[in-house]
Amino acid sequence: MARIKNDFLKLSGSMGGITFSQDDRGTIAKKQSEGPETLSEGTLNSNEEMGGASKAVKAFRLALNSKKRGYEDRYFMGRLSGKVRMIVGLGDGTPGQRKLDFRKNGDLLEVFEFFEVRPLVYSVGGIKDKPRFSEDRTEVCWISPTLIPKKQITAPEEATHIKFILGAGTVSNYKYDVKKKGYTPIEPKFKNLGDFVESKPFALKQKTIAPVDLRIKLEAGGALPEEIAVITMVGVSFMKEVNGELLAMKDVGAMRILGVG
């Protein structure tokens, strides 16, 4: 691209393979493209792996049904796909066809917030322990810490109660299928599972909130296949008491991925 000085003709259009256009500073001359732009090998490889990450995130999200439950923000899909793309980058294989291995590299997800503007640590301090798995990984258990509301909980205005949430969802590892020219789940016949459980409400005016034991049983019909990962998350929701009734407060909760097994 070049700029023509003192162009009193105010050229526009194309001539001799050059395209002329005008802006507020004068005339711009740009060489016409000789054909469709070709993408570099690196870009093509990145696009393939990003496509595989997006497929896996979509399958996981459907299993959780997190959008319908209101447990995610509007940028959830894009943000999580970006994180999963990083997992693909650590997988075995050649660029563009590397394995998406949640079981091996899923710890990269353990900082992911479902609500980016309200991290879990902002709402509740002191949540550090990851959920635990049974030997066959079909049962997930998490025990909340003892909390002092005035020191460790940042509640939204008007909130009177808090609930703890445990979530778990399965997702297959993915591989690149040369024949299909795209990523496919390694366990295509396994139907992804997902569930959330909530604690009873706890009044924020309490001096301390005792630990609560939350458990999820994934009805897999037996031990989970090795190529199936379980992603676990912990969150909180707030409520307010109105005329003796507890009402859920929207858009003030928090949830974070704490473990992948």
Protein backbone atom coordinates (compact mmCIF):
# COMPACT_ATOMS: atom_id res chain seq x y z
CA MET A 1 0.00 0.00 0.00
CA ALA A 2 1.22 3.49 -0.82
CA ARG A 3 -0.11 7.02 -0.52
CA ILE A 4 -0.06 9.47 -3.47
CA LYS A 5 0.92 13.02 -2.62
CA ASN A 6 -0.68 15.99 -4.38
CA ASP A 7 -3.23 13.88 -6.29
CA PHE A 8 -5.37 16.66 -7.73
CA LEU A 9 -7.29 14.11 -9.89
CA LYS A 10 -8.65 12.30 -6.79
CA LEU A 11 -8.18 8.89 -8.40
CA SER A 12 -10.54 6.02 -7.65
CA GLY A 13 -11.13 2.57 -9.12
CA SER A 14 -8.57 0.19 -10.62
CA MET A 15 -5.92 0.52 -13.31
CA GLY A 16 -2.92 -1.62 -14.24
CA GLY A 17 -3.35 -3.93 -11.27
CA ILE A 18 -3.52 -1.01 -8.85
CA THR A 19 -6.63 -0.03 -6.86
CA PHE A 20 -7.10 3.62 -5.89
CA SER A 21 -9.25 4.82 -2.99
CA GLN A 22 -9.71 7.95 -0.93
CA ASP A 23 -9.60 8.69 2.78
CA ASP A 24 -9.41 11.90 4.79
CA ARG A 25 -5.68 12.16 4.11
CA GLY A 26 -5.76 11.75 0.34
CA THR A 27 -5.33 8.92 -2.17
CA ILE A 28 -4.32 5.36 -1.33
CA ALA A 29 -2.84 3.07 -4.00
CA LYS A 30 -2.92 -0.65 -3.31
CA LYS A 31 -1.81 -3.57 -5.46
CA GLN A 32 -4.64 -5.91 -6.33
CA SER A 33 -4.49 -9.44 -5.01
CA GLU A 34 -3.60 -11.97 -7.67
CA GLY A 35 -5.82 -14.67 -6.19
CA PRO A 36 -7.47 -15.91 -3.02
CA GLU A 37 -5.38 -15.57 0.08
CA THR A 38 -3.81 -18.86 1.13
CA LEU A 39 -3.55 -19.73 4.78
CA SER A 40 -0.23 -20.80 6.24
CA GLU A 41 0.26 -24.34 7.46
CA GLY A 42 0.45 -23.08 11.02
CA THR A 43 -2.88 -21.28 10.69
CA LEU A 44 -4.55 -24.35 9.20
CA ASN A 45 -3.22 -26.55 12.01
CA SER A 46 -4.41 -24.07 14.62
CA ASN A 47 -7.87 -23.95 13.02
CA GLU A 48 -8.15 -27.75 13.09
CA GLU A 49 -7.23 -27.94 16.76
CA MET A 50 -9.51 -25.06 17.68
CA GLY A 51 -12.33 -26.89 15.92
CA GLY A 52 -11.65 -29.99 18.02
CA ALA A 53 -11.63 -27.92 21.22
CA SER A 54 -14.96 -26.32 20.30
CA LYS A 55 -16.55 -29.74 19.66
CA ALA A 56 -15.43 -31.03 23.06
CA VAL A 57 -16.65 -27.91 24.89
CA LYS A 58 -20.05 -28.13 23.20
CA ALA A 59 -20.43 -31.77 24.24
CA PHE A 60 -19.41 -30.98 27.82
CA ARG A 61 -21.74 -28.00 28.02
CA LEU A 62 -24.70 -30.07 26.78
CA ALA A 63 -24.00 -32.71 29.42
CA LEU A 64 -23.96 -30.08 32.17
CA ASN A 65 -26.88 -28.07 30.82
CA SER A 66 -25.12 -25.15 32.48
CA LYS A 67 -26.61 -22.50 30.21
CA LYS A 68 -30.17 -23.46 31.08
CA ARG A 69 -29.32 -23.55 34.77
CA GLY A 70 -27.84 -20.05 34.60
CA TYR A 71 -24.41 -21.21 35.71
CA GLU A 72 -22.39 -19.45 32.99
CA ASP A 73 -21.80 -16.03 31.48
CA ARG A 74 -22.35 -15.05 27.85
CA TYR A 75 -18.71 -15.65 26.87
CA PHE A 76 -18.49 -19.10 28.44
CA MET A 77 -18.14 -21.09 25.19
CA GLY A 78 -15.42 -18.92 23.70
CA ARG A 79 -13.39 -18.66 26.90
CA LEU A 80 -13.53 -22.37 27.66
CA SER A 81 -12.74 -23.30 24.05
CA GLY A 82 -9.61 -21.17 24.31
CA LYS A 83 -8.51 -23.05 27.44
CA VAL A 84 -9.20 -26.42 25.83
CA ARG A 85 -7.20 -25.36 22.79
CA MET A 86 -4.21 -25.03 25.14
CA ILE A 87 -4.78 -28.64 26.23
CA VAL A 88 -4.71 -29.76 22.58
CA GLY A 89 -1.36 -28.02 22.22
CA LEU A 90 0.11 -30.32 24.88
CA GLY A 91 -1.22 -33.50 23.27
CA ASP A 92 0.73 -36.20 21.47
CA GLY A 93 0.92 -36.10 17.68
CA THR A 94 1.75 -33.67 14.92
CA PRO A 95 0.43 -30.07 14.94
CA GLY A 96 -3.11 -29.95 13.62
CA GLN A 97 -3.75 -33.54 14.69
CA ARG A 98 -2.64 -33.61 18.33
CA LYS A 99 -4.69 -35.58 20.82
CA LEU A 100 -7.05 -33.67 23.08
CA ASP A 101 -6.28 -35.41 26.36
CA PHE A 102 -8.35 -34.14 29.29
CA ARG A 103 -7.17 -36.97 31.53
CA LYS A 104 -3.51 -36.06 31.09
CA ASN A 105 -3.55 -32.28 30.76
CA GLY A 106 -6.91 -31.21 32.18
CA ASP A 107 -5.28 -29.45 35.12
CA LEU A 108 -5.05 -26.41 32.82
CA LEU A 109 -8.78 -25.97 33.38
CA GLU A 110 -8.52 -25.73 37.16
CA VAL A 111 -8.50 -21.93 37.10
CA PHE A 112 -11.50 -21.52 34.80
CA GLU A 113 -14.34 -19.34 36.09
CA PHE A 114 -17.89 -19.79 34.79
CA PHE A 115 -18.51 -16.10 35.51
CA GLU A 116 -15.41 -14.15 34.51
CA VAL A 117 -16.40 -10.89 36.24
CA ARG A 118 -17.16 -12.60 39.56
CA PRO A 119 -14.48 -15.19 40.43
CA LEU A 120 -15.26 -17.71 43.13
CA VAL A 121 -12.45 -16.40 45.33
CA TYR A 122 -14.11 -12.97 45.29
CA SER A 123 -17.40 -14.36 46.57
CA VAL A 124 -15.95 -16.86 49.02
CA GLY A 125 -12.41 -17.04 50.32
CA GLY A 126 -11.01 -20.25 51.72
CA ILE A 127 -12.26 -22.73 49.11
CA LYS A 128 -9.14 -24.68 48.16
CA ASP A 129 -9.80 -28.41 48.42
CA LYS A 130 -10.65 -30.21 45.19
CA PRO A 131 -13.58 -32.63 44.94
CA ARG A 132 -12.64 -36.28 45.49
CA PHE A 133 -13.41 -39.24 43.23
CA SER A 134 -14.35 -42.81 43.98
CA GLU A 135 -12.03 -45.46 42.56
CA ASP A 136 -14.19 -45.92 39.45
CA ARG A 137 -14.69 -42.11 39.16
CA THR A 138 -18.48 -42.40 39.11
CA GLU A 139 -18.91 -40.67 42.49
CA VAL A 140 -17.74 -37.17 43.34
CA CYS A 141 -17.59 -35.76 46.86
CA TRP A 142 -16.71 -32.29 48.14
CA ILE A 143 -16.75 -30.88 51.67
CA SER A 144 -16.86 -27.12 52.09
CA PRO A 145 -14.53 -25.46 54.61
CA THR A 146 -15.64 -23.86 57.83
CA LEU A 147 -16.31 -20.22 56.94
CA ILE A 148 -16.66 -16.97 58.85
CA PRO A 149 -19.13 -14.95 56.73
CA LYS A 150 -17.97 -11.51 57.85
CA LYS A 151 -14.37 -12.29 56.94
CA GLN A 152 -14.56 -14.78 54.07
CA ILE A 153 -17.76 -14.11 52.13
CA THR A 154 -18.36 -11.09 49.89
CA ALA A 155 -22.12 -11.16 49.45
CA PRO A 156 -24.04 -8.92 47.07
CA GLU A 157 -26.17 -6.20 48.57
CA GLU A 158 -29.50 -7.47 49.95
CA ALA A 159 -28.29 -11.09 50.11
CA THR A 160 -29.28 -12.88 53.30
CA HIS A 161 -28.35 -16.50 52.54
CA ILE A 162 -25.80 -18.52 50.60
CA LYS A 163 -25.85 -21.98 48.99
CA PHE A 164 -22.91 -24.14 47.94
CA ILE A 165 -22.98 -25.95 44.60
CA LEU A 166 -21.08 -29.03 43.41
CA GLY A 167 -21.05 -29.93 39.73
CA ALA A 168 -19.56 -32.76 37.70
CA GLY A 169 -19.62 -33.57 34.01
CA THR A 170 -17.95 -36.07 31.71
CA VAL A 171 -16.27 -35.47 28.38
CA SER A 172 -14.38 -37.81 26.06
CA ASN A 173 -10.81 -37.31 24.98
CA TYR A 174 -10.68 -36.45 21.28
CA LYS A 175 -8.47 -37.56 18.38
CA TYR A 176 -8.02 -36.35 14.82
CA ASP A 177 -9.71 -38.61 12.27
CA VAL A 178 -7.82 -38.43 8.97
CA LYS A 179 -10.71 -39.92 6.98
CA LYS A 180 -13.26 -37.49 8.40
CA LYS A 181 -10.74 -34.63 8.36
CA GLY A 182 -11.68 -33.48 11.82
CA TYR A 183 -11.66 -34.27 15.53
CA THR A 184 -13.90 -37.03 16.88
CA PRO A 185 -14.45 -38.38 20.44
CA ILE A 186 -12.38 -41.44 21.26
CA GLU A 187 -15.41 -42.87 23.09
CA PRO A 188 -18.20 -41.93 20.63
CA LYS A 189 -20.73 -44.37 22.09
CA PHE A 190 -20.43 -43.04 25.63
CA LYS A 191 -23.22 -40.60 26.49
CA ASN A 192 -21.79 -37.69 28.44
CA LEU A 193 -23.17 -37.27 31.95
CA GLY A 194 -23.52 -34.17 34.08
CA ASP A 195 -25.22 -33.02 37.26
CA PHE A 196 -25.28 -30.32 39.93
CA VAL A 197 -26.29 -30.56 43.59
CA GLU A 198 -26.91 -27.66 45.97
CA SER A 199 -26.65 -27.39 49.72
CA LYS A 200 -29.36 -26.06 51.97
CA PRO A 201 -29.32 -22.25 52.42
CA PHE A 202 -27.10 -20.86 55.16
CA ALA A 203 -27.86 -17.51 56.79
CA LEU A 204 -25.09 -14.98 56.27
CA LYS A 205 -25.69 -13.51 59.71
CA GLN A 206 -24.30 -16.67 61.32
CA LYS A 207 -20.93 -16.29 63.02
CA THR A 208 -19.64 -19.41 61.29
CA ILE A 209 -20.92 -21.73 58.58
CA ALA A 210 -20.12 -25.35 59.28
CA PRO A 211 -18.77 -27.67 56.56
CA VAL A 212 -21.34 -29.22 54.23
CA ASP A 213 -20.86 -32.56 52.45
CA LEU A 214 -22.03 -32.60 48.81
CA ARG A 215 -22.02 -35.72 46.61
CA ILE A 216 -22.83 -36.59 43.00
CA LYS A 217 -23.37 -40.07 41.58
CA LEU A 218 -22.86 -40.37 37.83
CA GLU A 219 -25.06 -43.18 36.53
CA ALA A 220 -22.55 -44.64 34.08
CA GLY A 221 -23.54 -48.29 34.50
CA GLY A 222 -20.07 -49.19 35.70
CA ALA A 223 -16.58 -47.73 35.88
CA LEU A 224 -15.86 -44.91 33.46
CA PRO A 225 -13.70 -45.73 30.41
CA GLU A 226 -10.11 -44.51 30.62
CA GLU A 227 -10.65 -42.07 27.75
CA ILE A 228 -13.52 -40.34 29.61
CA ALA A 229 -12.63 -37.47 31.91
CA VAL A 230 -14.69 -36.05 34.77
CA ILE A 231 -14.56 -32.29 35.22
CA THR A 232 -15.67 -31.04 38.62
CA MET A 233 -16.65 -27.55 39.69
CA VAL A 234 -17.66 -25.75 42.87
CA GLY A 235 -19.79 -22.65 43.12
CA VAL A 236 -22.06 -20.56 45.29
CA SER A 237 -25.39 -18.83 44.83
CA PHE A 238 -26.95 -16.12 46.93
CA MET A 239 -30.51 -15.63 48.10
CA LYS A 240 -32.50 -12.92 49.80
CA GLU A 241 -35.31 -13.29 52.27
CA VAL A 242 -38.51 -11.46 51.34
CA ASN A 243 -41.53 -11.77 53.65
CA GLY A 244 -40.23 -15.03 55.04
CA GLU A 245 -39.53 -16.53 51.60
CA LEU A 246 -36.06 -17.13 50.14
CA LEU A 247 -35.68 -15.89 46.58
CA ALA A 248 -32.74 -16.70 44.31
CA MET A 249 -30.64 -13.72 43.20
CA LYS A 250 -29.64 -13.71 39.53
CA ASP A 251 -26.22 -12.90 38.05
CA VAL A 252 -24.39 -12.76 41.38
CA GLY A 253 -23.23 -16.37 41.73
CA ALA A 254 -19.80 -17.82 41.10
CA MET A 255 -18.43 -21.15 39.93
CA ARG A 256 -14.97 -22.48 39.21
CA ILE A 257 -13.49 -25.70 37.85
CA LEU A 258 -11.50 -27.24 40.69
CA GLY A 259 -10.50 -30.67 39.45
CA VAL A 260 -10.27 -32.98 36.41
CA GLY A 261 -9.90 -36.71 36.81
